[in-house]
Amino acid sequence: MCIRDRHTELHITKPKTGEHGHKTAAEAVEVVKQMVGQYPDDVIAGTLNRLGFSTGYGNTWKKHLVCSLRSKLDLPAYDPNNKQAQGTLTAEQAAEQLGVSMRTVRELLRTNVLAGKQVVKFAPWQIPTAALNANPVVERIQRIHNGKHQRILRAPNEDTLRLPGM
């Protein structure tokens, strides 16, 4: 009794030099394109990490990896004299100039009292310098500095304290 070996012929293409299956997500590349020139590479890397993007190899983003991607895509480096970034402040700079905490600035941005925008979610805020002098902002900051916070809630009848579930 003779058993013959059976083989299946399989044809695959061999990757060319430099080809591999590790690609950066298109969404991550788009974020880099939107932020490039306006922010340093380390800030872009932090934003990509907060958005949950990883590199083509599954690693977290670092400054040198953003620099490498920028170079590969022939995108410009960060320019501190960028006309688009001039006349704007980060949330941290706005907090310092207003003399309030970052939490207060975030609340002002969230409630649209303070004008500002982000290129993408988790990117640094871009707040026009002139927005710090807007009447609603000045009034709110004065109330905060005078100790008259708007967030203090009064019970309708101060003699009775109502507890949840009772």
C-alpha atoms as a PDB file:
ATOM      1  CA  MET A   1       0.000   0.000   0.000  1.00  0.00           C
ATOM      2  CA  CYS A   2       1.422   3.293  -1.084  1.00  0.00           C
ATOM      3  CA  ILE A   3       0.320   6.645   0.299  1.00  0.00           C
ATOM      4  CA  ARG A   4       1.172   9.634  -1.803  1.00  0.00           C
ATOM      5  CA  ASP A   5       1.934  12.961  -0.241  1.00  0.00           C
ATOM      6  CA  ARG A   6      -0.415  15.665  -1.284  1.00  0.00           C
ATOM      7  CA  HIS A   7       0.614  19.272  -1.319  1.00  0.00           C
ATOM      8  CA  THR A   8      -1.232  22.449  -2.004  1.00  0.00           C
ATOM      9  CA  GLU A   9       0.637  25.024  -3.964  1.00  0.00           C
ATOM     10  CA  LEU A  10       0.404  28.491  -2.448  1.00  0.00           C
ATOM     11  CA  HIS A  11       1.506  31.688  -4.147  1.00  0.00           C
ATOM     12  CA  ILE A  12       2.065  34.839  -2.113  1.00  0.00           C
ATOM     13  CA  THR A  13       3.787  38.059  -2.972  1.00  0.00           C
ATOM     14  CA  LYS A  14       6.878  38.870  -1.027  1.00  0.00           C
ATOM     15  CA  PRO A  15       6.890  42.377   0.503  1.00  0.00           C
ATOM     16  CA  LYS A  16       9.211  44.783  -1.248  1.00  0.00           C
ATOM     17  CA  THR A  17      12.068  46.399   0.598  1.00  0.00           C
ATOM     18  CA  GLY A  18      10.687  48.729   3.249  1.00  0.00           C
ATOM     19  CA  GLU A  19       7.128  47.379   3.013  1.00  0.00           C
ATOM     20  CA  HIS A  20       5.426  46.124   6.150  1.00  0.00           C
ATOM     21  CA  GLY A  21       1.944  45.859   7.619  1.00  0.00           C
ATOM     22  CA  HIS A  22       2.451  48.528  10.260  1.00  0.00           C
ATOM     23  CA  LYS A  23       0.583  51.673   9.279  1.00  0.00           C
ATOM     24  CA  THR A  24      -0.406  54.723  11.278  1.00  0.00           C
ATOM     25  CA  ALA A  25      -4.181  55.144  11.406  1.00  0.00           C
ATOM     26  CA  ALA A  26      -5.506  57.644   8.875  1.00  0.00           C
ATOM     27  CA  GLU A  27      -7.347  59.472  11.683  1.00  0.00           C
ATOM     28  CA  ALA A  28      -4.078  59.979  13.573  1.00  0.00           C
ATOM     29  CA  VAL A  29      -2.416  61.335  10.430  1.00  0.00           C
ATOM     30  CA  GLU A  30      -5.347  63.742   9.993  1.00  0.00           C
ATOM     31  CA  VAL A  31      -4.954  65.013  13.576  1.00  0.00           C
ATOM     32  CA  VAL A  32      -1.247  65.602  12.946  1.00  0.00           C
ATOM     33  CA  LYS A  33      -2.049  67.500   9.740  1.00  0.00           C
ATOM     34  CA  GLN A  34      -4.514  69.729  11.607  1.00  0.00           C
ATOM     35  CA  MET A  35      -2.119  70.505  14.461  1.00  0.00           C
ATOM     36  CA  VAL A  36       1.185  70.716  12.592  1.00  0.00           C
ATOM     37  CA  GLY A  37       2.851  74.118  12.512  1.00  0.00           C
ATOM     38  CA  GLN A  38       0.714  75.420  15.377  1.00  0.00           C
ATOM     39  CA  TYR A  39       1.958  73.102  18.131  1.00  0.00           C
ATOM     40  CA  PRO A  40       5.291  71.504  19.080  1.00  0.00           C
ATOM     41  CA  ASP A  41       5.694  67.788  18.399  1.00  0.00           C
ATOM     42  CA  ASP A  42       5.465  66.856  22.101  1.00  0.00           C
ATOM     43  CA  VAL A  43       2.061  68.575  22.389  1.00  0.00           C
ATOM     44  CA  ILE A  44       0.841  66.751  19.266  1.00  0.00           C
ATOM     45  CA  ALA A  45       2.095  63.456  20.713  1.00  0.00           C
ATOM     46  CA  GLY A  46       0.222  64.081  23.971  1.00  0.00           C
ATOM     47  CA  THR A  47      -2.970  64.903  22.085  1.00  0.00           C
ATOM     48  CA  LEU A  48      -2.710  61.731  19.988  1.00  0.00           C
ATOM     49  CA  ASN A  49      -2.209  59.665  23.151  1.00  0.00           C
ATOM     50  CA  ARG A  50      -5.221  61.282  24.896  1.00  0.00           C
ATOM     51  CA  LEU A  51      -7.334  60.541  21.814  1.00  0.00           C
ATOM     52  CA  GLY A  52      -6.314  56.881  22.116  1.00  0.00           C
ATOM     53  CA  PHE A  53      -4.265  56.633  18.926  1.00  0.00           C
ATOM     54  CA  SER A  54      -1.199  54.435  18.804  1.00  0.00           C
ATOM     55  CA  THR A  55       1.615  54.240  16.288  1.00  0.00           C
ATOM     56  CA  GLY A  56       1.617  51.684  13.488  1.00  0.00           C
ATOM     57  CA  TYR A  57       3.533  49.358  15.809  1.00  0.00           C
ATOM     58  CA  GLY A  58       1.001  49.807  18.628  1.00  0.00           C
ATOM     59  CA  ASN A  59       3.193  52.062  20.763  1.00  0.00           C
ATOM     60  CA  THR A  60       2.297  55.360  22.404  1.00  0.00           C
ATOM     61  CA  TRP A  61       3.250  58.548  20.606  1.00  0.00           C
ATOM     62  CA  LYS A  62       6.469  60.349  21.503  1.00  0.00           C
ATOM     63  CA  LYS A  63       7.941  63.612  20.264  1.00  0.00           C
ATOM     64  CA  HIS A  64      10.440  61.923  17.931  1.00  0.00           C
ATOM     65  CA  LEU A  65       7.730  59.722  16.393  1.00  0.00           C
ATOM     66  CA  VAL A  66       5.597  62.761  15.517  1.00  0.00           C
ATOM     67  CA  CYS A  67       8.730  64.412  14.092  1.00  0.00           C
ATOM     68  CA  SER A  68       9.389  61.300  11.987  1.00  0.00           C
ATOM     69  CA  LEU A  69       5.803  61.224  10.685  1.00  0.00           C
ATOM     70  CA  ARG A  70       5.936  64.941   9.876  1.00  0.00           C
ATOM     71  CA  SER A  71       9.174  64.419   7.997  1.00  0.00           C
ATOM     72  CA  LYS A  72       7.800  61.438   6.074  1.00  0.00           C
ATOM     73  CA  LEU A  73       4.676  63.418   5.073  1.00  0.00           C
ATOM     74  CA  ASP A  74       6.743  66.540   4.333  1.00  0.00           C
ATOM     75  CA  LEU A  75       4.767  68.632   6.860  1.00  0.00           C
ATOM     76  CA  PRO A  76       6.164  71.832   8.402  1.00  0.00           C
ATOM     77  CA  ALA A  77       7.647  71.959  11.895  1.00  0.00           C
ATOM     78  CA  TYR A  78       6.278  74.059  14.745  1.00  0.00           C
ATOM     79  CA  ASP A  79       6.721  77.771  14.190  1.00  0.00           C
ATOM     80  CA  PRO A  80       6.338  79.901  17.344  1.00  0.00           C
ATOM     81  CA  ASN A  81       5.887  82.954  15.117  1.00  0.00           C
ATOM     82  CA  ASN A  82       2.955  81.337  13.299  1.00  0.00           C
ATOM     83  CA  LYS A  83       0.483  84.089  12.339  1.00  0.00           C
ATOM     84  CA  GLN A  84      -2.432  81.772  13.162  1.00  0.00           C
ATOM     85  CA  ALA A  85      -1.137  81.219  16.709  1.00  0.00           C
ATOM     86  CA  GLN A  86      -0.251  84.861  17.372  1.00  0.00           C
ATOM     87  CA  GLY A  87      -2.834  86.732  19.388  1.00  0.00           C
ATOM     88  CA  THR A  88      -4.026  83.568  21.107  1.00  0.00           C
ATOM     89  CA  LEU A  89      -3.419  82.162  24.556  1.00  0.00           C
ATOM     90  CA  THR A  90      -3.564  78.666  25.981  1.00  0.00           C
ATOM     91  CA  ALA A  91      -5.977  77.984  28.834  1.00  0.00           C
ATOM     92  CA  GLU A  92      -3.025  78.023  31.242  1.00  0.00           C
ATOM     93  CA  GLN A  93      -1.887  81.438  30.015  1.00  0.00           C
ATOM     94  CA  ALA A  94      -5.455  82.773  30.216  1.00  0.00           C
ATOM     95  CA  ALA A  95      -5.795  81.518  33.807  1.00  0.00           C
ATOM     96  CA  GLU A  96      -2.548  83.239  34.734  1.00  0.00           C
ATOM     97  CA  GLN A  97      -3.575  86.541  33.134  1.00  0.00           C
ATOM     98  CA  LEU A  98      -7.056  86.457  34.693  1.00  0.00           C
ATOM     99  CA  GLY A  99      -5.695  85.463  38.101  1.00  0.00           C
ATOM    100  CA  VAL A 100      -7.949  82.420  38.395  1.00  0.00           C
ATOM    101  CA  SER A 101      -7.524  78.657  38.397  1.00  0.00           C
ATOM    102  CA  MET A 102      -7.517  76.380  35.371  1.00  0.00           C
ATOM    103  CA  ARG A 103     -10.796  74.922  36.636  1.00  0.00           C
ATOM    104  CA  THR A 104     -12.394  78.375  36.403  1.00  0.00           C
ATOM    105  CA  VAL A 105     -11.092  78.898  32.874  1.00  0.00           C
ATOM    106  CA  ARG A 106     -12.396  75.471  31.806  1.00  0.00           C
ATOM    107  CA  GLU A 107     -15.805  76.353  33.269  1.00  0.00           C
ATOM    108  CA  LEU A 108     -15.821  79.697  31.426  1.00  0.00           C
ATOM    109  CA  LEU A 109     -14.960  77.901  28.190  1.00  0.00           C
ATOM    110  CA  ARG A 110     -17.555  75.170  28.780  1.00  0.00           C
ATOM    111  CA  THR A 111     -20.334  77.727  29.367  1.00  0.00           C
ATOM    112  CA  ASN A 112     -19.212  79.849  26.378  1.00  0.00           C
ATOM    113  CA  VAL A 113     -18.548  82.881  28.578  1.00  0.00           C
ATOM    114  CA  LEU A 114     -14.950  82.823  27.360  1.00  0.00           C
ATOM    115  CA  ALA A 115     -14.416  82.420  23.615  1.00  0.00           C
ATOM    116  CA  GLY A 116     -11.962  79.735  22.587  1.00  0.00           C
ATOM    117  CA  LYS A 117     -11.529  76.755  20.311  1.00  0.00           C
ATOM    118  CA  GLN A 118      -9.604  73.530  19.980  1.00  0.00           C
ATOM    119  CA  VAL A 119      -8.224  72.166  16.715  1.00  0.00           C
ATOM    120  CA  VAL A 120      -9.330  68.699  17.861  1.00  0.00           C
ATOM    121  CA  LYS A 121     -10.629  67.324  21.138  1.00  0.00           C
ATOM    122  CA  PHE A 122      -7.887  67.233  23.813  1.00  0.00           C
ATOM    123  CA  ALA A 123      -5.725  69.706  21.890  1.00  0.00           C
ATOM    124  CA  PRO A 124      -4.692  72.859  23.752  1.00  0.00           C
ATOM    125  CA  TRP A 125      -7.249  75.659  23.787  1.00  0.00           C
ATOM    126  CA  GLN A 126      -6.722  78.673  21.535  1.00  0.00           C
ATOM    127  CA  ILE A 127      -8.199  81.695  23.294  1.00  0.00           C
ATOM    128  CA  PRO A 128      -8.043  85.074  21.556  1.00  0.00           C
ATOM    129  CA  THR A 129      -6.269  87.603  23.753  1.00  0.00           C
ATOM    130  CA  ALA A 130      -9.104  90.079  23.173  1.00  0.00           C
ATOM    131  CA  ALA A 131     -11.617  87.564  24.590  1.00  0.00           C
ATOM    132  CA  LEU A 132     -10.210  88.129  28.086  1.00  0.00           C
ATOM    133  CA  ASN A 133     -11.538  91.703  27.985  1.00  0.00           C
ATOM    134  CA  ALA A 134     -15.102  90.804  26.931  1.00  0.00           C
ATOM    135  CA  ASN A 135     -17.720  92.172  29.330  1.00  0.00           C
ATOM    136  CA  PRO A 136     -19.152  88.788  30.436  1.00  0.00           C
ATOM    137  CA  VAL A 137     -15.648  87.530  31.236  1.00  0.00           C
ATOM    138  CA  VAL A 138     -14.664  90.685  33.147  1.00  0.00           C
ATOM    139  CA  GLU A 139     -17.930  90.611  35.147  1.00  0.00           C
ATOM    140  CA  ARG A 140     -17.577  86.927  36.038  1.00  0.00           C
ATOM    141  CA  ILE A 141     -13.932  87.359  37.082  1.00  0.00           C
ATOM    142  CA  GLN A 142     -14.829  90.382  39.233  1.00  0.00           C
ATOM    143  CA  ARG A 143     -17.556  88.352  40.981  1.00  0.00           C
ATOM    144  CA  ILE A 144     -15.073  85.553  41.617  1.00  0.00           C
ATOM    145  CA  HIS A 145     -12.448  87.938  43.007  1.00  0.00           C
ATOM    146  CA  ASN A 146     -15.101  89.616  45.201  1.00  0.00           C
ATOM    147  CA  GLY A 147     -16.125  86.214  46.583  1.00  0.00           C
ATOM    148  CA  LYS A 148     -19.555  86.211  44.949  1.00  0.00           C
ATOM    149  CA  HIS A 149     -19.510  82.905  43.111  1.00  0.00           C
ATOM    150  CA  GLN A 150     -22.476  82.160  40.903  1.00  0.00           C
ATOM    151  CA  ARG A 151     -22.357  78.445  41.677  1.00  0.00           C
ATOM    152  CA  ILE A 152     -23.605  78.823  45.291  1.00  0.00           C
ATOM    153  CA  LEU A 153     -27.099  77.370  45.357  1.00  0.00           C
ATOM    154  CA  ARG A 154     -29.606  78.427  47.984  1.00  0.00           C
ATOM    155  CA  ALA A 155     -32.368  76.139  49.190  1.00  0.00           C
ATOM    156  CA  PRO A 156     -35.859  77.572  48.505  1.00  0.00           C
ATOM    157  CA  ASN A 157     -36.654  77.446  52.234  1.00  0.00           C
ATOM    158  CA  GLU A 158     -33.499  77.862  54.279  1.00  0.00           C
ATOM    159  CA  ASP A 159     -35.236  76.568  57.436  1.00  0.00           C
ATOM    160  CA  THR A 160     -35.694  73.130  55.872  1.00  0.00           C
ATOM    161  CA  LEU A 161     -32.847  71.099  54.464  1.00  0.00           C
ATOM    162  CA  ARG A 162     -34.046  68.441  52.044  1.00  0.00           C
ATOM    163  CA  LEU A 163     -31.862  65.370  51.697  1.00  0.00           C
ATOM    164  CA  PRO A 164     -32.040  63.106  48.665  1.00  0.00           C
ATOM    165  CA  GLY A 165     -34.143  59.991  49.252  1.00  0.00           C
ATOM    166  CA  MET A 166     -36.010  61.388  52.251  1.00  0.00           C
END
